[in-house]
Protein backbone atom coordinates (compact mmCIF):
# COMPACT_ATOMS: atom_id res chain seq x y z
CA UNK A 1 40.11 5.48 11.58
CA UNK A 2 36.59 6.94 11.72
CA UNK A 3 37.81 9.83 9.60
CA UNK A 4 39.10 7.37 6.97
CA UNK A 5 35.83 5.51 6.94
CA UNK A 6 33.98 8.78 6.51
CA UNK A 7 36.32 9.83 3.73
CA UNK A 8 35.88 6.48 2.06
CA UNK A 9 32.10 6.75 2.31
CA UNK A 10 32.18 10.30 1.00
CA UNK A 11 34.38 9.25 -1.93
CA UNK A 12 32.02 6.37 -2.79
CA UNK A 13 29.06 8.74 -2.63
CA UNK A 14 30.77 11.12 -5.05
CA UNK A 15 31.58 8.20 -7.36
CA UNK A 16 27.93 7.07 -7.25
CA UNK A 17 26.68 10.58 -7.98
CA UNK A 18 29.14 10.97 -10.87
CA UNK A 19 28.10 7.58 -12.26
CA UNK A 20 24.40 8.41 -11.87
CA UNK A 21 24.86 11.76 -13.61
CA UNK A 22 26.80 10.16 -16.48
CA UNK A 23 24.19 7.40 -16.82
CA UNK A 24 21.40 9.94 -16.78
CA UNK A 25 23.09 11.98 -19.51
CA UNK A 26 23.75 8.84 -21.56
CA UNK A 27 20.17 7.70 -21.21
CA UNK A 28 18.85 11.11 -22.17
CA UNK A 29 21.05 11.07 -25.29
CA UNK A 30 19.83 7.58 -26.22
CA UNK A 31 16.21 8.57 -25.64
CA UNK A 32 16.62 11.69 -27.76
CA UNK A 33 18.07 9.60 -30.60
CA UNK A 34 15.33 6.98 -30.24
CA UNK A 35 12.63 9.66 -30.42
CA UNK A 36 13.96 10.66 -33.85
CA UNK A 37 13.18 7.18 -35.20
CA UNK A 38 9.97 6.52 -37.12
CA UNK A 39 7.17 5.06 -34.93
CA UNK A 40 7.57 1.50 -36.24
CA UNK A 41 11.28 1.50 -35.43
CA UNK A 42 10.61 2.94 -31.96
CA UNK A 43 8.17 0.10 -31.34
CA UNK A 44 10.76 -2.44 -32.47
CA UNK A 45 13.38 -0.85 -30.22
CA UNK A 46 11.02 -0.79 -27.23
CA UNK A 47 10.10 -4.43 -27.80
CA UNK A 48 13.74 -5.48 -27.99
CA UNK A 49 14.62 -3.57 -24.81
CA UNK A 50 11.66 -4.99 -22.89
CA UNK A 51 12.38 -8.49 -24.18
CA UNK A 52 15.94 -8.24 -22.91
CA UNK A 53 14.73 -8.02 -19.29
CA UNK A 54 11.90 -10.53 -19.42
CA UNK A 55 12.54 -13.85 -17.74
CA UNK A 56 13.27 -16.76 -20.03
CA UNK A 57 10.20 -18.66 -21.12
CA UNK A 58 9.68 -21.99 -19.45
CA UNK A 59 8.69 -24.61 -22.04
CA UNK A 60 6.45 -26.47 -19.59
CA UNK A 61 4.51 -23.29 -18.81
CA UNK A 62 4.12 -22.45 -22.50
CA UNK A 63 2.91 -26.00 -23.16
CA UNK A 64 0.41 -25.78 -20.29
CA UNK A 65 -0.95 -22.50 -21.66
CA UNK A 66 -1.25 -23.98 -25.15
CA UNK A 67 -3.36 -26.83 -23.73
CA UNK A 68 -5.49 -24.43 -21.68
CA UNK A 69 -6.11 -22.17 -24.67
CA UNK A 70 -7.09 -25.08 -26.91
CA UNK A 71 -9.46 -26.42 -24.23
CA UNK A 72 -11.09 -23.02 -23.74
CA UNK A 73 -11.55 -22.53 -27.48
CA UNK A 74 -12.98 -26.05 -27.75
CA UNK A 75 -15.47 -25.39 -24.94
CA UNK A 76 -16.47 -22.07 -26.45
CA UNK A 77 -16.90 -23.55 -29.95
CA UNK A 78 -19.01 -26.36 -28.47
CA UNK A 79 -21.29 -23.82 -26.81
CA UNK A 80 -20.03 -24.66 -23.35
CA UNK A 81 -18.86 -21.21 -22.50
CA UNK A 82 -20.03 -17.67 -22.78
CA UNK A 83 -18.32 -14.43 -23.63
CA UNK A 84 -18.54 -11.04 -22.03
CA UNK A 85 -18.02 -7.94 -24.16
CA UNK A 86 -14.71 -6.23 -23.39
CA UNK A 87 -16.49 -2.97 -22.55
CA UNK A 88 -18.39 -4.75 -19.75
CA UNK A 89 -15.23 -6.36 -18.42
CA UNK A 90 -13.40 -3.03 -18.29
CA UNK A 91 -16.39 -1.29 -16.67
CA UNK A 92 -16.45 -3.97 -13.97
CA UNK A 93 -12.69 -3.64 -13.41
CA UNK A 94 -13.01 0.13 -13.14
CA UNK A 95 -15.88 -0.29 -10.65
CA UNK A 96 -13.87 -2.71 -8.50
CA UNK A 97 -10.75 -0.59 -8.55
CA UNK A 98 -12.64 2.52 -7.43
CA UNK A 99 -13.65 0.91 -4.10
């Protein structure tokens, strides 16, 4: 019985390796074809692929962000907020990440 289990495991491993190799070859072929596309079409393709794996948007979260954005813009327009140049923000992030 142990021999059968081992054979079964070995057969599954071979199947996995064969599948992985076929997938790798398929992906390489797809990537090669995609790289032949003009840049704008590659961007569209990349966006569609990434969008296909993103979680579905939650309407309540989108609505909350809309409110937050409007409030922040309102505060900024009313002089209640301040801005920091992007270069300063990125410098600070770089400094913190180097610690």
